[in-house]
Amino acid sequence: MKSEVRLAMISSLRRGWFEFAESARIAGEQLLANRTRSFLTALGVIIGIIAVTLMGTAIRGIDTGFDQSMNMLGEDVLYVEQYPWTATSDFWLYKNRPDITPAMADKLNAIISDTRGSLLKLAVAAPSILATVTHGKRQITNVYLMGTTEAYSLIIPTNCQEGRFLSDSESRAARNVCVIGLEAADGLFPGEDPIGKIIRIGQQQYQVIGVFAKQGSFLGLFSFDSEVVIPLGAYEKYFKTGAESASIRVKVKDKNKLNEAAEELRGYVRR
C-alpha cells in the first residue's frame, strides 16, 4: 500500500514538472517571437513600479514638510486676525470687522485668568509688516518685521543660534534691540558676528542681540529665516501706521482640544 502511494506521488510530481517545463517553453517561445511587445510590457511594469515608489516618497516628503511648517506656526496656537489667510470673494465682510489691536492680547489674558477651566493659556500680540533693513551698504528688502514681547517665546519656539531672545526689561522699555533670522544675518553680516552690531529699519537703529536658529520656510512659500523681531513698544512707536490690523497668537492648554479652544476664544473676541 505504501509503495502504491509513493508511486502516485512520484507520478504527480513528474507530471507537475513536465507541465511547468512545457509552460516555461511556450512562454519563452512567445517572448522570443514577440520581443518588442515583451520589452514594452516589461518596461511598462517597471515604470509603474518606479512611479508608485516615487509618488509614495513625494507624499511622505510633503507630509513631513507640512508637519514641520505647522510646528513653526505652532500646533497648539490659535491666530486672531481680521482677515483670513486665503483669498475670498466676500472680502468686504472682513473689511468691516473691527481692527485687531495689540491691546486685545491684554484683554484676552485678563479673561483667561478669570475663567476657571479655560482651555486657553496665554495671548501675545505680534503685529507685523514688510520692511527694508540695512547695515552699511548692504540692504535686504521684504523682511518680515514683527513686534512682540518676551512672552512670545512661551508660545512659539525662539531658539537662537547666537545671542538670545528679547528680555522682559527690553520689552517693557521698548528698547531698540532686535533678533534677526539666519538669512537676514547672512545677508547683512556675511562672515561676521552680528551680535552687538547695528542695523537700520526705516529711520531707526537697532542693536542685534540674537540670531534665530534655522527655521526653514512655510510650505516653501515664506521663509521664517528672513524675519526681524523687535519689542512691541518700539514697533508701535515707529511702525504702526493705523492701516494694518495686528495679529494675536493664543496658546491652548491641550492641542487635542483645539476646536473647543477656538470656540471659547471666538466668544471672548466677540465680547
Foldseek 3Di string as FASTA:
>chain_A
DVVVVVVVVVVVVVVVVVVVVVVVVVVVVVCVVCVVVVVVVVVVVVVVVVVVVVVVVVVVVLVVLQVLLCLQVALQKDKDALDDPDDDPVVVVSVPDDFADQVVQVVVVVVQVVDPPAQFDGKWWKFWDWFWKADVPFIDGRATEIATAPCVCVGGPQAFPDFDQHDRVCLVVQDQAKEAAPVCCCRHPPVDDQAQGWMDTDNDIYGYRTYGDARAANSPPGGPRRYMYGHNVPCCVPPDPVPHGIMMMIGGPDSVCSVVNVVVVVVSVVD
